[in-house]
Amino acid sequence: MAQIHFTSWLRTVVPDAPVTANGATVGEALDALLAQRPHVRSYVLDEQGRLRKHVCIFADGARLPREAALAHPIGPESQLHVMQALSGG
């Protein structure tokens, strides 16, 4: 199962430790996780199920393009890092 890590800002709504999820793609792994933790969905995905504008995902150390991130293939040993950029002034 892939391990999913969240940045500290998102840890207010997710566990402090990495969580595991099955899936052949980033999107499938996130869907499995979000089925168990539906309150996290709105922080990661928009109303159409797309990755939110200010969410970035790294898979096995590589930053994924936002438009293609959910379709990116992963393996059972993959490490995913979900980060939410903060903006403001």
Protein backbone atom coordinates (compact mmCIF):
# COMPACT_ATOMS: atom_id res chain seq x y z
CA MET A 1 0.00 0.00 0.00
CA ALA A 2 1.20 3.49 -0.78
CA GLN A 3 2.01 5.78 2.11
CA ILE A 4 0.39 9.21 2.05
CA HIS A 5 2.01 12.03 4.01
CA PHE A 6 0.35 15.38 4.63
CA THR A 7 2.01 18.69 5.44
CA SER A 8 1.65 20.01 8.96
CA TRP A 9 -1.03 22.53 7.93
CA LEU A 10 -3.30 19.72 6.76
CA ARG A 11 -2.60 17.68 9.89
CA THR A 12 -5.37 19.58 11.64
CA VAL A 13 -7.74 17.34 9.64
CA VAL A 14 -5.63 14.22 9.04
CA PRO A 15 -3.52 11.98 11.28
CA ASP A 16 -0.08 13.18 12.30
CA ALA A 17 1.51 10.02 10.89
CA PRO A 18 1.46 8.81 7.28
CA VAL A 19 -1.61 6.83 6.25
CA THR A 20 -1.69 3.93 3.80
CA ALA A 21 -4.04 3.40 0.89
CA ASN A 22 -4.40 1.02 -2.04
CA GLY A 23 -4.56 2.20 -5.61
CA ALA A 24 -2.84 1.95 -8.97
CA THR A 25 -2.87 5.74 -9.39
CA VAL A 26 -2.60 8.74 -7.10
CA GLY A 27 -6.32 9.38 -7.63
CA GLU A 28 -7.29 5.84 -6.65
CA ALA A 29 -5.17 5.98 -3.50
CA LEU A 30 -6.68 9.35 -2.55
CA ASP A 31 -10.20 8.04 -3.24
CA ALA A 32 -9.55 5.10 -0.90
CA LEU A 33 -8.27 7.44 1.80
CA LEU A 34 -11.09 9.96 1.34
CA ALA A 35 -13.71 7.21 1.55
CA GLN A 36 -12.49 6.62 5.11
CA ARG A 37 -11.99 10.32 5.91
CA PRO A 38 -14.62 12.24 3.88
CA HIS A 39 -14.02 15.46 5.86
CA VAL A 40 -10.59 15.76 4.17
CA ARG A 41 -12.01 15.78 0.61
CA SER A 42 -12.74 19.51 0.44
CA TYR A 43 -9.16 20.34 1.47
CA VAL A 44 -7.66 18.29 -1.38
CA LEU A 45 -10.26 18.11 -4.18
CA ASP A 46 -12.67 20.66 -5.61
CA GLU A 47 -16.38 20.12 -6.30
CA GLN A 48 -15.61 18.42 -9.65
CA GLY A 49 -13.16 15.97 -8.06
CA ARG A 50 -10.08 17.76 -9.41
CA LEU A 51 -7.03 18.59 -7.38
CA ARG A 52 -7.46 22.00 -5.75
CA LYS A 53 -5.50 24.88 -7.25
CA HIS A 54 -3.16 25.27 -4.28
CA VAL A 55 -2.57 21.56 -3.62
CA CYS A 56 0.65 19.97 -4.82
CA ILE A 57 1.44 16.26 -4.82
CA PHE A 58 4.85 14.63 -4.88
CA ALA A 59 5.07 10.93 -5.78
CA ASP A 60 8.29 9.15 -4.92
CA GLY A 61 10.17 12.45 -4.74
CA ALA A 62 8.90 13.93 -8.02
CA ARG A 63 6.53 16.90 -8.14
CA LEU A 64 3.52 15.98 -10.26
CA PRO A 65 1.88 18.46 -12.65
CA ARG A 66 -1.47 19.38 -11.11
CA GLU A 67 -3.47 18.48 -14.24
CA ALA A 68 -1.97 14.98 -14.42
CA ALA A 69 -1.36 14.21 -10.73
CA LEU A 70 -4.46 12.11 -10.07
CA ALA A 71 -3.80 9.86 -13.10
CA HIS A 72 -0.14 9.30 -12.19
CA PRO A 73 0.60 5.58 -11.73
CA ILE A 74 1.98 4.44 -8.38
CA GLY A 75 3.16 1.19 -6.87
CA PRO A 76 2.56 -0.47 -3.51
CA GLU A 77 5.79 1.04 -2.11
CA SER A 78 5.08 4.59 -3.34
CA GLN A 79 5.46 7.58 -1.04
CA LEU A 80 2.97 10.39 -1.69
CA HIS A 81 3.28 13.84 -0.15
CA VAL A 82 0.21 16.09 -0.25
CA MET A 83 1.03 19.74 0.28
CA GLN A 84 -1.21 22.74 0.39
CA ALA A 85 0.40 26.03 -0.53
CA LEU A 86 -0.51 28.96 1.66
CA SER A 87 -0.74 32.40 0.16
CA GLY A 88 -1.40 35.82 1.47
CA GLY A 89 0.34 39.00 2.23
